[in-house]
């Protein structure tokens, strides 16, 4: 192993001085000497190799993203349409991030307001009320947002007002393709970066979108939407970034390679399954001159079909080229590649491929917990950057429409905009083990009742109310319900019903 020396050492400075002189006569040779020296005196990883240039392409994020954003998005969408591995990840995100939806719970100190706003929210989330196009419920919109963020990298949301509806607020989704910088009359000294109008210090102030008809043809000049009237959902990975890049960027090449590998193996197996007979003949007396040439042209083999008998011309032979080995390696190669692709998105092979052949309870539980961290972060982003500002808009619109009269709502009181969203609970691998673990945690204080209910996707107050309602109804029927350690409800007639039990 080469001993690394400081780039500031006397040896390095002397060598650079000699190369500076040599650059007058041979710049290329001097440059190579300096590059080699920096690899020796600096980090080994910075040395130029067969696959790595002395200095890879780098720069401000937006400058690099502009050159590749549209191409990456198009290739990601192609995989979305045609690649089963990509769709397995999309389905895992769809089923675990939004799943059956979010249960909104208002958290103001005014119970009359809470009850009223929850009732209005439940009514508004249906497809005919919340969606501008009246096609999707709020849960469907959230699933589409999650899908487009994964494939396209982002999505723009606006909130048109429809005064013909009881609750005028609606949601309209715009794909990132609609953001444009063409024919934009920019003013106020702002800068424009791929449809995002920003101040000189990078704060977005507006979004410019192309107005099109339902067939996708431009029908008007670009429309300016102030940033306060829209929500642009995308994940920022660098400070100098103003727009999205698909999260699939790092796995597009690998995913396409796996798809090509699958096609090659499938073709190999199809070819091997074909049983064909090729017969040579020396009888050419039946065709002379041009007719013989035409017959020979017709006999060219362009496709092989199972059970086919093909007559060949004199001197022609058929040699089958069937690569060996791929079919036997599929069982090891595919899971490895799928694991790499899923891991790049923070997910496990088991959650995306439904392959649980090589796991036990402990490993399955560990993967489930790790996957849940990824899904939880996605849910948190939906709540923080979409549902929370959406709820504030919703409350204000209901107030302006007179739907909160008599509830004591005060627009300037921030407590009226507090709410929580409860997602569906994490599934159980072994219900008995999970229940025992929860019982122990509840008993020793490692888990509060509120936390336990939140894990189940329910509100703890509602859970207690439901328990009280069930017990009250049971008493009215002369049945006493006591949940015992045996795992069932005891009506007081079977087993001991002493207070200690």
Protein backbone atom coordinates (compact mmCIF):
# COMPACT_ATOMS: atom_id res chain seq x y z
CA UNK A 1 0.00 0.00 0.00
CA UNK A 2 1.38 3.38 -1.01
CA UNK A 3 2.15 5.64 1.91
CA UNK A 4 0.21 8.88 1.60
CA UNK A 5 2.13 12.16 1.93
CA UNK A 6 0.89 15.65 2.54
CA UNK A 7 0.16 17.71 -0.61
CA UNK A 8 1.96 20.59 1.15
CA UNK A 9 5.22 18.67 1.58
CA UNK A 10 8.45 19.93 0.03
CA UNK A 11 8.46 16.99 -2.41
CA UNK A 12 5.01 17.80 -3.75
CA UNK A 13 5.76 21.52 -4.12
CA UNK A 14 9.07 20.82 -5.86
CA UNK A 15 7.40 18.47 -8.31
CA UNK A 16 4.69 21.01 -9.09
CA UNK A 17 7.34 23.65 -9.73
CA UNK A 18 9.12 21.37 -12.21
CA UNK A 19 5.82 20.59 -13.96
CA UNK A 20 5.00 24.29 -14.22
CA UNK A 21 8.21 24.76 -16.17
CA UNK A 22 7.55 21.63 -18.26
CA UNK A 23 4.06 22.86 -19.14
CA UNK A 24 5.61 25.52 -21.38
CA UNK A 25 6.94 22.80 -23.68
CA UNK A 26 4.53 19.91 -23.06
CA UNK A 27 1.26 20.94 -21.30
CA UNK A 28 -0.32 17.51 -21.63
CA UNK A 29 2.61 15.71 -20.04
CA UNK A 30 2.81 18.25 -17.22
CA UNK A 31 -0.91 17.89 -16.50
CA UNK A 32 -0.67 14.10 -16.29
CA UNK A 33 2.30 14.39 -13.92
CA UNK A 34 0.40 16.71 -11.63
CA UNK A 35 -2.66 14.45 -11.63
CA UNK A 36 -0.54 11.42 -10.77
CA UNK A 37 1.26 13.32 -8.02
CA UNK A 38 -2.01 14.46 -6.43
CA UNK A 39 -3.20 10.86 -6.38
CA UNK A 40 0.01 9.84 -4.60
CA UNK A 41 0.26 12.72 -2.15
CA UNK A 42 -3.50 13.02 -1.49
CA UNK A 43 -6.30 10.46 -1.13
CA UNK A 44 -6.06 7.21 -3.02
CA UNK A 45 -9.75 7.51 -3.91
CA UNK A 46 -8.95 10.75 -5.78
CA UNK A 47 -6.52 9.03 -8.13
CA UNK A 48 -7.62 8.71 -11.75
CA UNK A 49 -8.62 5.17 -12.68
CA UNK A 50 -10.01 3.39 -15.70
CA UNK A 51 -13.58 4.23 -14.66
CA UNK A 52 -13.02 7.51 -12.86
CA UNK A 53 -11.72 10.69 -14.45
CA UNK A 54 -9.38 12.92 -12.50
CA UNK A 55 -12.29 15.22 -11.76
CA UNK A 56 -15.90 14.04 -12.39
CA UNK A 57 -18.57 16.39 -13.64
CA UNK A 58 -19.83 18.50 -10.78
CA UNK A 59 -21.26 21.92 -10.07
CA UNK A 60 -24.38 23.68 -8.74
CA UNK A 61 -27.28 21.25 -8.41
CA UNK A 62 -29.72 23.05 -10.67
CA UNK A 63 -27.18 23.41 -13.46
CA UNK A 64 -26.59 19.67 -13.43
CA UNK A 65 -30.24 18.75 -12.97
CA UNK A 66 -31.44 20.81 -15.93
CA UNK A 67 -29.28 18.78 -18.29
CA UNK A 68 -30.75 15.45 -17.19
CA UNK A 69 -34.10 16.10 -15.47
CA UNK A 70 -36.41 15.50 -18.44
CA UNK A 71 -34.46 12.45 -19.66
CA UNK A 72 -34.43 10.84 -16.23
CA UNK A 73 -38.14 11.49 -15.82
CA UNK A 74 -38.95 9.99 -19.24
CA UNK A 75 -36.91 6.87 -18.51
CA UNK A 76 -38.48 6.52 -15.07
CA UNK A 77 -41.95 6.71 -16.62
CA UNK A 78 -40.97 4.09 -19.18
CA UNK A 79 -40.03 1.76 -16.33
CA UNK A 80 -43.31 2.63 -14.59
CA UNK A 81 -45.21 1.49 -17.67
CA UNK A 82 -43.22 -1.62 -18.54
CA UNK A 83 -41.07 -2.86 -15.66
CA UNK A 84 -42.58 -5.14 -12.97
CA UNK A 85 -39.79 -4.45 -10.45
CA UNK A 86 -40.52 -0.72 -10.56
CA UNK A 87 -44.23 -1.35 -10.18
CA UNK A 88 -43.64 -3.66 -7.23
CA UNK A 89 -41.97 -0.76 -5.39
CA UNK A 90 -44.76 1.62 -6.41
CA UNK A 91 -47.39 -0.79 -5.09
CA UNK A 92 -45.49 -1.20 -1.80
CA UNK A 93 -45.44 2.59 -1.36
CA UNK A 94 -49.10 2.90 -2.33
CA UNK A 95 -50.24 0.16 0.07
CA UNK A 96 -48.16 1.28 3.06
CA UNK A 97 -47.87 5.07 2.92
CA UNK A 98 -51.52 5.99 2.34
CA UNK A 99 -53.13 2.54 2.56
CA UNK A 100 -56.72 3.07 3.73
CA UNK A 101 -56.19 6.78 4.27
CA UNK A 102 -55.64 9.23 7.11
CA UNK A 103 -58.08 9.84 9.94
CA UNK A 104 -58.12 13.56 10.78
CA UNK A 105 -58.61 14.58 14.41
CA UNK A 106 -59.06 18.29 15.26
CA UNK A 107 -57.08 19.34 18.34
CA UNK A 108 -58.41 22.73 19.42
CA UNK A 109 -59.73 23.38 22.92
CA UNK A 110 -63.20 24.02 21.49
CA UNK A 111 -65.06 20.71 21.29
CA UNK A 112 -67.97 22.27 19.38
CA UNK A 113 -65.55 23.44 16.69
CA UNK A 114 -63.76 20.10 16.65
CA UNK A 115 -66.95 18.18 16.12
CA UNK A 116 -68.16 20.52 13.37
CA UNK A 117 -64.89 20.70 11.42
CA UNK A 118 -64.42 16.92 11.54
CA UNK A 119 -67.93 16.48 10.17
CA UNK A 120 -67.24 18.93 7.33
CA UNK A 121 -63.87 17.32 6.58
CA UNK A 122 -65.44 13.87 6.35
CA UNK A 123 -68.01 15.23 3.89
CA UNK A 124 -65.45 17.14 1.81
CA UNK A 125 -62.99 14.25 1.30
CA UNK A 126 -65.35 12.45 -1.10
CA UNK A 127 -64.45 12.60 -4.79
CA UNK A 128 -67.36 14.82 -5.83
CA UNK A 129 -66.39 17.50 -3.31
CA UNK A 130 -62.60 17.77 -2.95
CA UNK A 131 -61.36 17.02 -6.47
CA UNK A 132 -61.57 19.80 -9.05
CA UNK A 133 -62.28 17.22 -11.76
CA UNK A 134 -64.62 15.23 -9.45
CA UNK A 135 -62.81 11.97 -10.17
CA UNK A 136 -60.76 11.17 -7.06
CA UNK A 137 -61.32 11.14 -3.33
CA UNK A 138 -58.73 12.67 -1.01
CA UNK A 139 -57.22 9.22 -0.37
CA UNK A 140 -56.89 8.68 -4.12
CA UNK A 141 -55.23 12.09 -4.48
CA UNK A 142 -52.74 11.24 -1.74
CA UNK A 143 -51.89 7.95 -3.46
CA UNK A 144 -51.37 9.75 -6.77
CA UNK A 145 -49.15 12.33 -5.08
CA UNK A 146 -47.01 9.57 -3.55
CA UNK A 147 -46.76 7.80 -6.91
CA UNK A 148 -45.77 10.90 -8.89
CA UNK A 149 -43.22 11.94 -6.26
CA UNK A 150 -41.55 8.56 -6.60
CA UNK A 151 -41.58 8.42 -10.41
CA UNK A 152 -41.45 12.07 -11.54
CA UNK A 153 -39.77 13.44 -8.44
CA UNK A 154 -42.52 15.93 -7.61
CA UNK A 155 -45.98 17.31 -8.27
CA UNK A 156 -47.58 20.77 -8.18
CA UNK A 157 -50.89 21.26 -6.36
CA UNK A 158 -53.23 24.24 -6.74
CA UNK A 159 -56.55 25.03 -5.04
CA UNK A 160 -59.20 26.45 -7.40
CA UNK A 161 -62.36 27.88 -5.85
CA UNK A 162 -65.69 26.44 -7.10
CA UNK A 163 -68.48 28.58 -5.72
CA UNK A 164 -71.14 26.13 -6.90
CA UNK A 165 -70.12 23.64 -4.22
CA UNK A 166 -71.13 23.70 -0.56
CA UNK A 167 -67.44 23.80 0.40
CA UNK A 168 -65.83 25.85 -2.41
CA UNK A 169 -62.28 24.56 -1.90
CA UNK A 170 -61.01 22.05 -4.49
CA UNK A 171 -57.70 20.34 -5.29
CA UNK A 172 -56.12 20.35 -8.75
CA UNK A 173 -52.95 18.39 -9.54
CA UNK A 174 -50.36 19.45 -12.13
CA UNK A 175 -47.57 17.25 -13.41
CA UNK A 176 -44.09 18.75 -13.34
CA UNK A 177 -44.08 18.76 -17.16
CA UNK A 178 -46.42 21.74 -17.03
CA UNK A 179 -43.79 23.96 -15.43
CA UNK A 180 -42.27 26.08 -18.19
CA UNK A 181 -39.86 28.93 -18.81
CA UNK A 182 -40.96 29.65 -22.40
CA UNK A 183 -42.60 33.00 -23.22
CA UNK A 184 -42.56 34.08 -19.58
CA UNK A 185 -42.74 37.88 -19.04
CA UNK A 186 -40.47 38.00 -16.01
CA UNK A 187 -40.42 41.19 -13.91
CA UNK A 188 -39.22 42.58 -10.57
CA UNK A 189 -35.65 41.37 -11.07
CA UNK A 190 -36.54 37.78 -10.16
CA UNK A 191 -34.85 34.77 -11.73
CA UNK A 192 -36.54 31.86 -13.47
CA UNK A 193 -35.37 28.26 -13.19
CA UNK A 194 -37.39 25.76 -15.24
CA UNK A 195 -40.74 27.35 -14.44
CA UNK A 196 -39.94 28.30 -10.85
CA UNK A 197 -39.74 32.06 -10.30
CA UNK A 198 -37.39 32.88 -7.43
CA UNK A 199 -35.95 35.92 -5.74
CA UNK A 200 -32.24 36.60 -6.10
CA UNK A 201 -31.58 34.63 -2.91
CA UNK A 202 -33.50 31.56 -4.11
CA UNK A 203 -36.92 31.94 -2.43
CA UNK A 204 -39.75 30.73 -4.73
CA UNK A 205 -42.40 33.39 -5.32
CA UNK A 206 -44.40 31.89 -8.20
CA UNK A 207 -44.77 28.94 -10.57
CA UNK A 208 -45.32 29.28 -14.32
CA UNK A 209 -47.36 26.49 -15.91
CA UNK A 210 -48.30 25.82 -19.52
CA UNK A 211 -52.02 25.96 -20.11
CA UNK A 212 -53.21 23.06 -22.27
CA UNK A 213 -56.43 21.40 -23.30
CA UNK A 214 -57.33 17.82 -22.41
CA UNK A 215 -55.37 16.52 -25.42
CA UNK A 216 -52.19 18.22 -24.24
CA UNK A 217 -52.07 21.02 -26.84
CA UNK A 218 -51.08 24.50 -25.69
CA UNK A 219 -54.04 26.86 -25.80
CA UNK A 220 -52.81 30.02 -24.06
CA UNK A 221 -49.83 31.88 -22.65
CA UNK A 222 -48.17 30.47 -19.52
CA UNK A 223 -50.08 31.11 -16.32
CA UNK A 224 -48.40 32.56 -13.24
CA UNK A 225 -49.44 30.98 -9.94
CA UNK A 226 -48.18 32.74 -6.79
CA UNK A 227 -46.35 30.42 -4.42
CA UNK A 228 -48.87 31.16 -1.66
CA UNK A 229 -51.63 29.69 -3.81
CA UNK A 230 -49.86 26.43 -4.61
CA UNK A 231 -47.88 23.62 -3.01
CA UNK A 232 -44.89 22.20 -4.88
CA UNK A 233 -44.11 18.78 -3.40
CA UNK A 234 -40.59 17.48 -4.05
CA UNK A 235 -37.60 16.30 -2.04
CA UNK A 236 -34.64 18.65 -1.79
CA UNK A 237 -31.24 16.96 -1.64
CA UNK A 238 -28.95 19.96 -2.25
CA UNK A 239 -29.07 23.62 -1.22
CA UNK A 240 -28.64 24.86 -4.80
CA UNK A 241 -31.64 22.86 -6.02
CA UNK A 242 -34.89 24.56 -7.10
CA UNK A 243 -36.76 21.66 -8.69
CA UNK A 244 -37.21 17.93 -8.46
CA UNK A 245 -35.20 14.97 -9.71
CA UNK A 246 -36.77 11.51 -9.79
CA UNK A 247 -35.70 9.33 -6.83
CA UNK A 248 -35.32 6.50 -9.35
CA UNK A 249 -32.28 8.18 -10.95
CA UNK A 250 -29.74 5.99 -9.17
CA UNK A 251 -31.52 2.73 -10.06
CA UNK A 252 -32.73 3.33 -13.64
CA UNK A 253 -29.69 1.67 -15.26
CA UNK A 254 -29.75 -1.33 -12.91
CA UNK A 255 -33.50 -1.79 -13.32
CA UNK A 256 -33.26 -1.73 -17.11
CA UNK A 257 -30.39 -4.23 -16.99
CA UNK A 258 -32.50 -6.59 -14.90
CA UNK A 259 -35.35 -6.21 -17.37
CA UNK A 260 -33.03 -7.02 -20.29
CA UNK A 261 -31.70 -10.02 -18.37
CA UNK A 262 -35.23 -11.32 -17.80
CA UNK A 263 -36.06 -10.90 -21.49
CA UNK A 264 -32.89 -12.74 -22.51
CA UNK A 265 -33.59 -15.66 -20.17
CA UNK A 266 -37.22 -15.81 -21.30
CA UNK A 267 -36.14 -15.87 -24.95
CA UNK A 268 -33.62 -18.61 -24.19
CA UNK A 269 -36.28 -20.77 -22.56
CA UNK A 270 -38.73 -20.16 -25.39
CA UNK A 271 -36.12 -21.11 -27.94
CA UNK A 272 -35.18 -24.24 -26.03
CA UNK A 273 -38.86 -25.19 -25.86
CA UNK A 274 -39.21 -25.08 -29.65
CA UNK A 275 -38.88 -28.46 -31.42
CA UNK A 276 -38.09 -27.89 -35.10
CA UNK A 277 -36.89 -30.07 -37.98
CA UNK A 278 -34.68 -28.73 -40.75
CA UNK A 279 -34.49 -30.84 -43.91
CA UNK A 280 -31.77 -30.40 -46.54
CA UNK A 281 -32.47 -31.33 -50.17
CA UNK A 282 -30.35 -31.53 -53.26
CA UNK A 283 -33.33 -31.60 -55.60
CA UNK A 284 -33.16 -28.35 -57.57
CA UNK A 285 -34.50 -29.72 -60.87
CA UNK A 286 -37.88 -28.20 -60.33
CA UNK A 287 -36.65 -24.61 -60.51
CA UNK A 288 -34.42 -22.90 -63.06
CA UNK A 289 -32.93 -19.42 -63.39
CA UNK A 290 -34.91 -16.64 -61.75
CA UNK A 291 -37.46 -19.06 -60.29
CA UNK A 292 -34.69 -20.91 -58.43
CA UNK A 293 -33.43 -17.66 -57.01
CA UNK A 294 -36.94 -16.72 -55.86
CA UNK A 295 -37.39 -20.12 -54.19
CA UNK A 296 -34.08 -19.70 -52.42
CA UNK A 297 -35.09 -16.23 -51.24
CA UNK A 298 -38.34 -17.55 -49.83
CA UNK A 299 -36.54 -20.15 -47.74
CA UNK A 300 -34.64 -17.63 -45.63
CA UNK A 301 -35.25 -18.39 -41.95
CA UNK A 302 -36.43 -15.31 -40.04
CA UNK A 303 -38.49 -16.90 -37.28
CA UNK A 304 -38.53 -20.21 -35.45
CA UNK A 305 -41.81 -21.69 -34.29
CA UNK A 306 -42.43 -24.78 -32.21
CA UNK A 307 -43.26 -27.89 -34.20
CA UNK A 308 -42.06 -26.33 -37.47
CA UNK A 309 -40.58 -28.29 -40.38
CA UNK A 310 -38.38 -26.17 -42.62
CA UNK A 311 -36.80 -27.25 -45.93
CA UNK A 312 -33.40 -25.72 -46.63
CA UNK A 313 -31.62 -25.06 -49.87
CA UNK A 314 -28.58 -27.10 -50.88
CA UNK A 315 -25.53 -26.16 -48.87
CA UNK A 316 -27.55 -24.46 -46.09
CA UNK A 317 -27.29 -25.62 -42.50
CA UNK A 318 -28.74 -24.39 -39.24
CA UNK A 319 -26.68 -23.96 -36.09
CA UNK A 320 -28.56 -22.97 -32.93
CA UNK A 321 -26.88 -20.51 -30.60
CA UNK A 322 -28.33 -21.10 -27.14
CA UNK A 323 -26.38 -19.49 -24.27
CA UNK A 324 -26.11 -21.81 -21.30
CA UNK A 325 -26.18 -21.01 -17.61
CA UNK A 326 -28.60 -18.06 -17.34
CA UNK A 327 -31.66 -20.05 -16.33
CA UNK A 328 -29.77 -21.73 -13.51
CA UNK A 329 -28.52 -18.39 -12.17
CA UNK A 330 -31.85 -16.56 -12.16
CA UNK A 331 -32.72 -17.71 -8.65
CA UNK A 332 -29.64 -16.00 -7.21
CA UNK A 333 -29.16 -13.09 -9.60
CA UNK A 334 -32.65 -11.60 -9.58
CA UNK A 335 -33.12 -11.42 -5.77
CA UNK A 336 -29.71 -9.76 -5.44
CA UNK A 337 -30.54 -7.09 -8.03
CA UNK A 338 -34.05 -6.55 -6.65
CA UNK A 339 -32.60 -6.16 -3.16
CA UNK A 340 -30.19 -3.48 -4.40
CA UNK A 341 -32.95 -1.60 -6.24
CA UNK A 342 -35.34 -1.73 -3.27
CA UNK A 343 -32.61 -0.81 -0.76
CA UNK A 344 -31.85 2.35 -2.75
CA UNK A 345 -35.42 3.45 -1.90
CA UNK A 346 -35.12 2.46 1.76
CA UNK A 347 -37.14 -0.74 1.38
CA UNK A 348 -36.46 -4.45 1.73
CA UNK A 349 -36.63 -7.18 -0.89
CA UNK A 350 -39.45 -8.90 1.00
CA UNK A 351 -41.73 -5.86 1.04
CA UNK A 352 -41.39 -5.20 -2.69
CA UNK A 353 -41.12 -8.71 -4.16
CA UNK A 354 -43.38 -10.57 -1.70
CA UNK A 355 -40.56 -13.12 -1.47
CA UNK A 356 -40.44 -14.48 2.08
CA UNK A 357 -38.87 -17.85 1.36
CA UNK A 358 -35.57 -17.08 3.10
CA UNK A 359 -36.77 -15.24 6.20
CA UNK A 360 -37.79 -16.21 9.70
CA UNK A 361 -39.87 -14.30 12.20
CA UNK A 362 -36.97 -12.20 13.50
CA UNK A 363 -35.63 -11.17 10.09
CA UNK A 364 -39.13 -10.54 8.75
CA UNK A 365 -39.93 -8.35 11.76
CA UNK A 366 -36.65 -6.47 11.41
CA UNK A 367 -37.32 -5.76 7.73
CA UNK A 368 -40.87 -4.72 8.53
CA UNK A 369 -39.67 -2.24 11.16
CA UNK A 370 -37.00 -0.84 8.83
CA UNK A 371 -39.54 -0.51 6.00
CA UNK A 372 -41.95 1.20 8.36
CA UNK A 373 -39.36 3.90 9.04
CA UNK A 374 -39.30 4.67 5.31
CA UNK A 375 -43.10 4.67 5.05
CA UNK A 376 -43.40 6.76 8.22
CA UNK A 377 -41.10 9.42 6.77
CA UNK A 378 -43.18 9.51 3.58
CA UNK A 379 -46.36 9.87 5.63
CA UNK A 380 -44.76 12.58 7.73
CA UNK A 381 -43.85 14.50 4.56
CA UNK A 382 -47.44 14.23 3.31
CA UNK A 383 -48.74 15.57 6.61
CA UNK A 384 -46.15 18.34 7.04
CA UNK A 385 -46.06 19.70 3.50
CA UNK A 386 -49.54 18.91 2.19
CA UNK A 387 -52.21 17.95 4.73
CA UNK A 388 -51.26 20.55 7.32
CA UNK A 389 -51.39 23.57 4.93
CA UNK A 390 -54.42 22.01 3.21
CA UNK A 391 -56.27 21.84 6.54
CA UNK A 392 -55.55 25.51 7.23
CA UNK A 393 -57.00 26.42 3.82
CA UNK A 394 -59.98 24.19 4.48
CA UNK A 395 -60.77 25.79 7.86
CA UNK A 396 -60.56 29.31 6.42
CA UNK A 397 -62.78 28.46 3.45
CA UNK A 398 -65.38 26.89 5.73
CA UNK A 399 -65.30 30.03 7.88
CA UNK A 400 -65.74 32.33 4.87
CA UNK A 401 -68.60 30.16 3.60
CA UNK A 402 -70.40 30.54 6.94
CA UNK A 403 -70.14 26.86 7.79
CA UNK A 404 -68.52 27.48 11.19
CA UNK A 405 -71.06 29.96 12.53
CA UNK A 406 -71.93 29.30 16.17
CA UNK A 407 -68.83 27.23 16.89
CA UNK A 408 -66.80 30.07 18.41
CA UNK A 409 -64.11 29.87 15.74
CA UNK A 410 -61.57 32.73 15.74
CA UNK A 411 -59.48 33.08 12.55
CA UNK A 412 -56.52 34.64 14.39
CA UNK A 413 -56.32 31.94 17.07
CA UNK A 414 -53.72 29.38 15.97
CA UNK A 415 -55.14 26.64 18.18
CA UNK A 416 -58.02 26.22 15.71
CA UNK A 417 -55.59 25.03 13.05
CA UNK A 418 -54.20 22.19 15.15
CA UNK A 419 -54.96 18.67 13.94
CA UNK A 420 -53.41 15.23 13.80
CA UNK A 421 -53.67 12.59 11.09
CA UNK A 422 -53.76 8.95 12.15
CA UNK A 423 -52.65 6.40 9.57
CA UNK A 424 -53.53 2.73 9.43
CA UNK A 425 -51.70 0.50 11.86
CA UNK A 426 -48.64 -1.64 11.18
CA UNK A 427 -49.55 -5.23 10.36
CA UNK A 428 -48.70 -8.13 12.65
CA UNK A 429 -46.49 -11.03 11.60
CA UNK A 430 -47.27 -13.12 14.70
CA UNK A 431 -50.35 -11.67 16.49
CA UNK A 432 -49.71 -13.61 19.70
CA UNK A 433 -46.12 -12.42 20.07
CA UNK A 434 -47.04 -8.85 19.16
CA UNK A 435 -49.94 -8.81 21.64
CA UNK A 436 -47.76 -10.19 24.43
CA UNK A 437 -45.06 -7.60 23.74
CA UNK A 438 -47.62 -4.76 23.78
CA UNK A 439 -49.15 -6.06 27.04
CA UNK A 440 -45.73 -6.11 28.70
CA UNK A 441 -44.90 -2.61 27.46
CA UNK A 442 -48.23 -1.26 28.67
CA UNK A 443 -47.82 -2.93 32.06
CA UNK A 444 -44.30 -1.64 32.80
CA UNK A 445 -44.83 1.83 31.35
CA UNK A 446 -42.65 1.31 28.30
CA UNK A 447 -45.65 2.16 26.14
CA UNK A 448 -48.43 4.58 27.01
CA UNK A 449 -52.05 3.92 26.12
CA UNK A 450 -51.98 6.97 23.82
CA UNK A 451 -48.94 5.60 22.00
CA UNK A 452 -50.51 2.18 21.70
CA UNK A 453 -53.68 3.59 20.15
CA UNK A 454 -51.65 5.76 17.79
CA UNK A 455 -49.83 2.62 16.60
CA UNK A 456 -53.24 1.13 15.79
CA UNK A 457 -54.24 4.20 13.83
CA UNK A 458 -56.99 5.24 16.27
CA UNK A 459 -57.52 8.08 18.71
CA UNK A 460 -57.16 7.02 22.37
CA UNK A 461 -60.15 9.09 23.46
CA UNK A 462 -62.35 7.39 20.88
CA UNK A 463 -61.05 3.99 21.97
CA UNK A 464 -62.01 4.68 25.60
CA UNK A 465 -65.41 6.02 24.52
CA UNK A 466 -66.00 2.86 22.49
CA UNK A 467 -65.00 0.64 25.43
CA UNK A 468 -67.32 2.56 27.76
CA UNK A 469 -70.16 2.34 25.25
CA UNK A 470 -69.74 -1.42 24.88
CA UNK A 471 -69.66 -1.99 28.64
CA UNK A 472 -72.69 0.25 29.19
CA UNK A 473 -74.66 -1.62 26.55
CA UNK A 474 -73.61 -4.99 28.00
CA UNK A 475 -74.78 -3.96 31.48
CA UNK A 476 -78.13 -2.88 30.08
CA UNK A 477 -78.52 -6.42 28.77
CA UNK A 478 -77.45 -8.01 32.04
CA UNK A 479 -74.02 -9.08 30.74
CA UNK A 480 -70.81 -8.25 32.59
CA UNK A 481 -67.73 -8.00 30.37
CA UNK A 482 -64.34 -8.54 31.98
CA UNK A 483 -61.30 -9.05 29.77
CA UNK A 484 -59.27 -11.78 31.49
CA UNK A 485 -55.78 -13.14 30.97
CA UNK A 486 -57.20 -16.20 29.27
CA UNK A 487 -57.75 -14.20 26.11
CA UNK A 488 -61.55 -13.77 26.07
CA UNK A 489 -64.54 -11.90 27.45
CA UNK A 490 -66.03 -13.37 30.61
CA UNK A 491 -69.72 -12.64 31.25
CA UNK A 492 -69.38 -13.39 34.96
CA UNK A 493 -70.94 -16.83 34.78
CA UNK A 494 -67.85 -18.76 33.64
CA UNK A 495 -64.78 -18.54 35.84
CA UNK A 496 -63.96 -16.52 38.91
CA UNK A 497 -65.15 -12.91 38.93
CA UNK A 498 -63.48 -11.71 42.13
CA UNK A 499 -62.15 -8.16 42.16
CA UNK A 500 -58.57 -9.42 42.25
CA UNK A 501 -59.15 -11.29 38.99
